[in-house]
Protein backbone atom coordinates (compact mmCIF):
# COMPACT_ATOMS: atom_id res chain seq x y z
CA MET A 1 -5.43 2.17 -8.11
CA VAL A 2 -8.90 0.94 -7.22
CA GLN A 3 -9.20 -0.94 -3.95
CA VAL A 4 -11.70 -3.68 -3.17
CA ARG A 5 -12.43 -4.81 0.37
CA HIS A 6 -13.98 -8.21 0.99
CA GLY A 7 -14.22 -9.22 4.63
CA GLU A 8 -10.86 -8.56 6.27
CA ARG A 9 -9.03 -8.50 2.92
CA THR A 10 -8.29 -5.32 0.96
CA ILE A 11 -6.71 -5.61 -2.47
CA GLU A 12 -5.65 -3.24 -5.19
CA LEU A 13 -6.99 -4.18 -8.59
CA ARG A 14 -4.65 -4.10 -11.55
CA PRO A 15 -5.72 -1.92 -14.50
CA GLY A 16 -8.58 -3.65 -16.32
CA GLU A 17 -8.83 -6.43 -13.72
CA THR A 18 -12.26 -7.62 -12.61
CA VAL A 19 -13.29 -7.81 -8.98
CA LEU A 20 -13.44 -11.60 -9.28
CA ASP A 21 -9.97 -11.91 -10.79
CA GLY A 22 -8.47 -9.60 -8.17
CA LEU A 23 -10.04 -11.50 -5.30
CA LEU A 24 -8.94 -14.86 -6.66
CA ARG A 25 -5.41 -13.53 -7.29
CA SER A 26 -5.23 -12.46 -3.64
CA GLY A 27 -6.22 -15.94 -2.45
CA ALA A 28 -9.73 -15.01 -1.32
CA TYR A 29 -12.50 -17.57 -1.56
CA PHE A 30 -15.22 -16.26 -3.86
CA PRO A 31 -17.77 -18.42 -5.69
CA TYR A 32 -17.72 -18.44 -9.49
CA HIS A 33 -18.29 -20.74 -12.42
CA CYS A 34 -18.62 -19.43 -15.97
CA ARG A 35 -16.66 -16.14 -15.65
CA SER A 36 -18.86 -14.59 -18.35
CA GLY A 37 -21.89 -13.40 -16.36
CA ALA A 38 -24.24 -16.11 -17.56
CA CYS A 39 -24.48 -18.26 -14.43
CA HIS A 40 -24.72 -15.51 -11.76
CA THR A 41 -22.67 -17.64 -9.34
CA CYS A 42 -20.37 -14.69 -8.60
CA ILE A 43 -23.17 -12.28 -7.70
CA ALA A 44 -21.99 -9.82 -5.08
CA GLN A 45 -23.27 -6.74 -3.32
CA ALA A 46 -21.42 -3.47 -3.01
CA THR A 47 -21.99 -2.30 0.56
CA ALA A 48 -19.91 0.83 -0.14
CA GLY A 49 -19.06 2.36 -3.50
CA SER A 50 -20.80 1.98 -6.84
CA PRO A 51 -20.39 -1.09 -9.04
CA PRO A 52 -19.97 -0.45 -12.76
CA PRO A 53 -23.26 -0.50 -14.71
CA LEU A 54 -21.90 -3.12 -17.16
CA ALA A 55 -21.66 -5.59 -14.27
CA GLN A 56 -25.33 -4.99 -13.39
CA GLY A 57 -26.89 -5.19 -16.85
CA ASP A 58 -28.54 -8.59 -16.51
CA LEU A 59 -29.93 -8.00 -13.01
CA THR A 60 -33.37 -6.76 -11.99
CA SER A 61 -33.86 -3.08 -11.25
CA ALA A 62 -34.38 -3.95 -7.57
CA GLU A 63 -31.05 -5.85 -7.47
CA ARG A 64 -29.26 -2.96 -9.18
CA ALA A 65 -30.76 -0.48 -6.70
CA GLU A 66 -29.44 -2.57 -3.80
CA GLY A 67 -25.90 -2.60 -5.23
CA TYR A 68 -25.82 -6.14 -6.58
CA PHE A 69 -23.43 -6.89 -9.44
CA LEU A 70 -21.58 -9.74 -11.15
CA ALA A 71 -17.98 -9.84 -9.91
CA CYS A 72 -16.72 -11.53 -13.09
CA LEU A 73 -17.83 -8.53 -15.18
CA ALA A 74 -17.00 -5.73 -12.75
CA VAL A 75 -14.03 -3.52 -13.57
CA PRO A 76 -14.76 -0.71 -11.10
CA GLU A 77 -13.52 2.85 -11.40
CA THR A 78 -13.94 3.59 -7.69
CA ASP A 79 -13.18 1.72 -4.47
CA LEU A 80 -15.70 -0.91 -3.39
CA VAL A 81 -16.57 -2.85 -0.27
CA VAL A 82 -18.16 -6.11 -1.40
CA ARG A 83 -19.78 -9.20 0.00
CA ALA A 84 -20.51 -12.41 -1.82
CA VAL A 85 -24.14 -13.50 -2.07
CA TYR A 86 -24.05 -17.26 -1.59
């Protein structure tokens, strides 16, 4: 199981579950709106681990290099430590 840490909270994602859905399921506050990647409200940064490329597709190359990704599209294959970008 893939684990995601956000602040003091660590959760295990269910198979095929996005970072956003896992965080919301666990009761974490995380900003979001459209849930389809269009609004970028759920932009996050991986401070450890690698976000999936699909969740970075619409971002600039500089954002991708710094580990930014869209939590609503991210179904990671490895553990992540994330922070929301408000």
